[in-house]
N, C-alpha and C. Protein backbone atom coordinates (compact mmCIF):
# COMPACT_ATOMS: atom_id res chain seq x y z
N MET A 1 -20.03 -7.37 1.57
CA MET A 1 -18.89 -6.88 0.84
C MET A 1 -19.37 -5.85 -0.25
N CYS A 2 -18.64 -4.83 -0.40
CA CYS A 2 -18.99 -3.77 -1.34
C CYS A 2 -18.16 -3.97 -2.62
N ASN A 3 -18.86 -4.15 -3.81
CA ASN A 3 -18.12 -4.42 -4.99
C ASN A 3 -18.33 -3.22 -5.99
N GLY A 4 -18.92 -2.18 -5.59
CA GLY A 4 -19.17 -1.06 -6.54
C GLY A 4 -17.97 -0.19 -6.74
N ALA A 5 -18.13 0.83 -7.56
CA ALA A 5 -17.03 1.76 -7.87
C ALA A 5 -16.83 2.73 -6.67
N VAL A 6 -15.69 3.12 -6.45
CA VAL A 6 -15.29 4.14 -5.46
C VAL A 6 -15.24 5.47 -6.15
N HIS A 7 -15.81 6.52 -5.60
CA HIS A 7 -15.79 7.84 -6.14
C HIS A 7 -14.92 8.80 -5.29
N LEU A 8 -14.19 9.64 -5.92
CA LEU A 8 -13.44 10.67 -5.26
C LEU A 8 -13.58 11.98 -6.04
N LYS A 9 -14.13 12.99 -5.39
CA LYS A 9 -14.25 14.31 -6.02
C LYS A 9 -13.30 15.22 -5.34
N ILE A 10 -12.55 16.01 -6.14
CA ILE A 10 -11.62 17.05 -5.61
C ILE A 10 -12.08 18.35 -6.18
N PRO A 11 -13.01 19.07 -5.44
CA PRO A 11 -13.58 20.32 -5.99
C PRO A 11 -12.53 21.38 -6.26
N GLU A 12 -11.47 21.41 -5.47
CA GLU A 12 -10.44 22.47 -5.69
C GLU A 12 -9.84 22.42 -7.08
N PHE A 13 -9.74 21.21 -7.66
CA PHE A 13 -9.18 21.04 -9.00
C PHE A 13 -10.22 20.68 -10.04
N GLY A 14 -11.45 20.46 -9.64
CA GLY A 14 -12.52 20.05 -10.48
C GLY A 14 -12.49 18.68 -10.99
N ASP A 15 -11.78 17.78 -10.27
CA ASP A 15 -11.61 16.41 -10.74
C ASP A 15 -12.63 15.50 -10.05
N HIS A 16 -13.04 14.46 -10.82
CA HIS A 16 -13.98 13.45 -10.31
C HIS A 16 -13.43 12.12 -10.81
N PHE A 17 -12.93 11.31 -9.87
CA PHE A 17 -12.30 9.98 -10.16
C PHE A 17 -13.25 8.83 -9.72
N THR A 18 -13.24 7.77 -10.46
CA THR A 18 -13.88 6.55 -10.01
C THR A 18 -12.94 5.38 -10.25
N TRP A 19 -13.00 4.34 -9.42
CA TRP A 19 -12.18 3.16 -9.68
C TRP A 19 -12.86 1.98 -8.98
N ASN A 20 -12.48 0.72 -9.54
CA ASN A 20 -12.93 -0.42 -8.83
C ASN A 20 -11.84 -0.98 -7.96
N ARG A 21 -12.12 -1.98 -7.24
CA ARG A 21 -11.10 -2.53 -6.24
C ARG A 21 -10.54 -3.81 -6.79
N ALA A 22 -9.29 -4.03 -6.43
CA ALA A 22 -8.60 -5.29 -6.71
C ALA A 22 -9.05 -6.30 -5.70
N THR A 23 -8.74 -7.57 -6.02
CA THR A 23 -9.07 -8.64 -5.01
C THR A 23 -8.09 -8.69 -3.94
N LEU A 24 -8.55 -8.77 -2.69
CA LEU A 24 -7.72 -8.83 -1.50
C LEU A 24 -7.74 -10.28 -0.95
N CYS A 25 -6.58 -10.86 -0.74
CA CYS A 25 -6.46 -12.25 -0.24
C CYS A 25 -5.50 -12.23 0.96
N ILE A 26 -5.99 -12.80 2.06
CA ILE A 26 -5.19 -12.88 3.28
C ILE A 26 -4.71 -14.35 3.38
N HIS A 27 -3.40 -14.57 3.39
CA HIS A 27 -2.78 -15.88 3.45
C HIS A 27 -2.39 -16.28 4.85
N ASN A 28 -2.34 -17.55 5.15
CA ASN A 28 -1.85 -18.13 6.39
C ASN A 28 -2.63 -17.63 7.62
N VAL A 29 -3.91 -17.61 7.52
CA VAL A 29 -4.74 -17.08 8.66
C VAL A 29 -4.62 -18.04 9.85
N VAL A 30 -4.62 -19.34 9.61
CA VAL A 30 -4.62 -20.32 10.69
C VAL A 30 -3.15 -20.61 11.17
N VAL A 31 -2.27 -20.89 10.25
CA VAL A 31 -0.88 -21.26 10.61
C VAL A 31 0.05 -20.51 9.75
N GLY A 32 1.15 -20.06 10.34
CA GLY A 32 2.26 -19.39 9.56
C GLY A 32 2.14 -17.89 9.71
N LYS A 33 3.02 -17.25 9.04
CA LYS A 33 3.14 -15.73 8.99
C LYS A 33 2.05 -15.27 8.06
N VAL A 34 1.14 -14.42 8.59
CA VAL A 34 0.02 -13.86 7.85
C VAL A 34 0.53 -12.78 6.96
N TRP A 35 0.10 -12.84 5.65
CA TRP A 35 0.46 -11.79 4.70
C TRP A 35 -0.72 -11.54 3.75
N VAL A 36 -0.77 -10.41 3.22
CA VAL A 36 -1.90 -9.90 2.38
C VAL A 36 -1.39 -9.74 0.94
N ASP A 37 -2.26 -10.16 -0.04
CA ASP A 37 -1.94 -10.05 -1.39
C ASP A 37 -3.15 -9.41 -2.11
N ASN A 38 -2.86 -8.29 -2.89
CA ASN A 38 -3.86 -7.70 -3.82
C ASN A 38 -3.53 -8.12 -5.22
N TYR A 39 -4.55 -8.58 -5.95
CA TYR A 39 -4.26 -8.91 -7.31
C TYR A 39 -5.54 -8.61 -8.17
N GLY A 40 -5.34 -8.42 -9.47
CA GLY A 40 -6.45 -8.13 -10.31
C GLY A 40 -6.20 -6.80 -11.10
N GLU A 41 -7.20 -6.48 -11.86
CA GLU A 41 -7.19 -5.25 -12.69
C GLU A 41 -7.96 -4.15 -12.05
N VAL A 42 -7.40 -2.96 -11.95
CA VAL A 42 -8.10 -1.78 -11.45
C VAL A 42 -8.16 -0.74 -12.54
N SER A 43 -9.38 -0.22 -12.83
CA SER A 43 -9.51 0.82 -13.80
C SER A 43 -9.88 2.13 -13.07
N VAL A 44 -9.10 3.16 -13.39
CA VAL A 44 -9.35 4.51 -12.76
C VAL A 44 -9.71 5.44 -13.88
N LYS A 45 -10.81 6.16 -13.67
CA LYS A 45 -11.26 7.16 -14.71
C LYS A 45 -11.40 8.49 -14.09
N ASN A 46 -10.83 9.51 -14.76
CA ASN A 46 -11.08 10.88 -14.37
C ASN A 46 -12.18 11.42 -15.27
N HIS A 47 -13.37 11.58 -14.74
CA HIS A 47 -14.53 11.98 -15.49
C HIS A 47 -14.44 13.42 -15.97
N SER A 48 -13.62 14.21 -15.31
CA SER A 48 -13.43 15.61 -15.77
C SER A 48 -12.62 15.77 -17.01
N THR A 49 -11.62 14.89 -17.16
CA THR A 49 -10.69 14.99 -18.31
C THR A 49 -10.86 13.89 -19.33
N GLY A 50 -11.51 12.75 -18.94
CA GLY A 50 -11.68 11.67 -19.81
C GLY A 50 -10.48 10.65 -19.76
N GLU A 51 -9.45 11.01 -19.01
CA GLU A 51 -8.32 10.06 -18.90
C GLU A 51 -8.69 8.79 -18.14
N ILE A 52 -8.11 7.72 -18.64
CA ILE A 52 -8.36 6.41 -18.07
C ILE A 52 -7.05 5.68 -17.78
N SER A 53 -6.97 5.02 -16.64
CA SER A 53 -5.77 4.26 -16.29
C SER A 53 -6.17 2.84 -15.97
N HIS A 54 -5.40 1.92 -16.43
CA HIS A 54 -5.56 0.51 -16.16
C HIS A 54 -4.28 0.07 -15.41
N ILE A 55 -4.55 -0.39 -14.17
CA ILE A 55 -3.45 -0.83 -13.29
C ILE A 55 -3.65 -2.33 -12.97
N ARG A 56 -2.67 -3.09 -13.18
CA ARG A 56 -2.75 -4.58 -12.88
C ARG A 56 -1.83 -4.87 -11.69
N PHE A 57 -2.47 -5.46 -10.62
CA PHE A 57 -1.77 -5.99 -9.48
C PHE A 57 -1.58 -7.42 -9.77
N HIS A 58 -0.35 -7.85 -9.99
CA HIS A 58 0.01 -9.22 -10.30
C HIS A 58 -0.08 -10.09 -9.01
N LYS A 59 -0.56 -11.25 -9.15
CA LYS A 59 -0.69 -12.21 -8.03
C LYS A 59 0.71 -12.60 -7.57
N ALA A 60 0.90 -12.63 -6.27
CA ALA A 60 2.24 -12.95 -5.69
C ALA A 60 2.61 -14.39 -5.94
N THR A 61 3.89 -14.62 -6.17
CA THR A 61 4.37 -15.95 -6.21
C THR A 61 5.59 -16.09 -5.31
N SER A 62 6.18 -17.29 -5.22
CA SER A 62 7.29 -17.47 -4.31
C SER A 62 8.51 -16.64 -4.80
N ARG A 63 8.60 -16.33 -6.11
CA ARG A 63 9.74 -15.61 -6.63
C ARG A 63 9.44 -14.12 -6.84
N GLU A 64 8.20 -13.71 -6.83
CA GLU A 64 7.86 -12.37 -7.21
C GLU A 64 6.64 -11.83 -6.37
N GLN A 65 6.89 -10.73 -5.64
CA GLN A 65 5.84 -10.17 -4.86
C GLN A 65 5.77 -8.64 -5.24
N CYS A 66 4.62 -8.02 -5.02
CA CYS A 66 4.41 -6.61 -5.21
C CYS A 66 4.72 -6.12 -6.64
N LEU A 67 4.30 -6.85 -7.65
CA LEU A 67 4.54 -6.43 -9.03
C LEU A 67 3.27 -5.72 -9.52
N ILE A 68 3.41 -4.43 -9.88
CA ILE A 68 2.31 -3.60 -10.40
C ILE A 68 2.70 -3.06 -11.72
N THR A 69 1.78 -3.20 -12.72
CA THR A 69 2.00 -2.55 -14.04
C THR A 69 0.77 -1.90 -14.44
N GLY A 70 0.92 -0.92 -15.38
CA GLY A 70 -0.31 -0.16 -15.82
C GLY A 70 0.02 0.81 -16.93
N LYS A 71 -1.00 1.45 -17.40
CA LYS A 71 -0.83 2.49 -18.40
C LYS A 71 -1.99 3.54 -18.28
N VAL A 72 -1.76 4.73 -18.76
CA VAL A 72 -2.70 5.79 -18.72
C VAL A 72 -3.12 6.16 -20.19
N LEU A 73 -4.37 6.21 -20.35
CA LEU A 73 -4.88 6.56 -21.69
C LEU A 73 -5.42 7.96 -21.70
N SER A 74 -4.87 8.86 -22.51
CA SER A 74 -5.37 10.23 -22.52
C SER A 74 -6.30 10.44 -23.71
N ILE A 75 -6.77 11.59 -23.76
CA ILE A 75 -7.65 12.01 -24.91
C ILE A 75 -6.74 12.77 -25.90
N PRO A 76 -6.61 12.45 -27.10
CA PRO A 76 -7.42 11.63 -27.95
C PRO A 76 -6.88 10.13 -27.99
N LEU A 77 -7.23 9.36 -27.01
CA LEU A 77 -7.03 7.90 -26.97
C LEU A 77 -5.61 7.48 -27.29
N LEU A 78 -4.61 8.10 -26.66
CA LEU A 78 -3.25 7.77 -26.82
C LEU A 78 -2.69 7.27 -25.48
N TRP A 79 -1.98 6.14 -25.52
CA TRP A 79 -1.33 5.67 -24.27
C TRP A 79 -0.11 6.57 -24.06
N HIS A 80 -0.08 7.25 -23.01
CA HIS A 80 1.08 8.18 -22.83
C HIS A 80 1.89 8.02 -21.55
N HIS A 81 1.53 7.14 -20.68
CA HIS A 81 2.37 6.79 -19.51
C HIS A 81 2.23 5.29 -19.27
N PHE A 82 3.39 4.72 -18.92
CA PHE A 82 3.44 3.28 -18.52
C PHE A 82 3.96 3.19 -17.13
N LEU A 83 3.42 2.33 -16.35
CA LEU A 83 3.74 2.16 -14.94
C LEU A 83 4.29 0.78 -14.76
N GLY A 84 5.38 0.74 -13.98
CA GLY A 84 5.96 -0.54 -13.58
C GLY A 84 6.56 -0.39 -12.22
N TYR A 85 6.22 -1.22 -11.28
CA TYR A 85 6.74 -1.15 -9.92
C TYR A 85 6.95 -2.55 -9.35
N GLU A 86 8.06 -2.81 -8.76
CA GLU A 86 8.29 -4.08 -8.18
C GLU A 86 9.15 -3.96 -6.92
N THR A 87 8.82 -4.67 -5.85
CA THR A 87 9.61 -4.70 -4.66
C THR A 87 9.86 -6.18 -4.29
N HIS A 88 10.93 -6.39 -3.59
CA HIS A 88 11.27 -7.74 -3.10
C HIS A 88 11.32 -7.70 -1.61
N ALA A 89 10.55 -8.50 -0.94
CA ALA A 89 10.45 -8.61 0.48
C ALA A 89 11.58 -9.35 1.08
């Protein structure tokens, strides 16, 4: 299993991003309907601009699935975007 950072370079725009992975959990492998859940904190950094994003994948519950929240930190260290996304299956 690879637990290191993922790198993405976009030469056309001069961007270099790195991020870590959230935890992946596969439910009901033996019996029942198989479904996948991602949960945990993902930090994304643009090394070209210094911007940092923290994205949280919330663990699924019987009442709430696919809840994602996050924020983007710009330079000079101001939170300027907030992310919230939720779907109901």
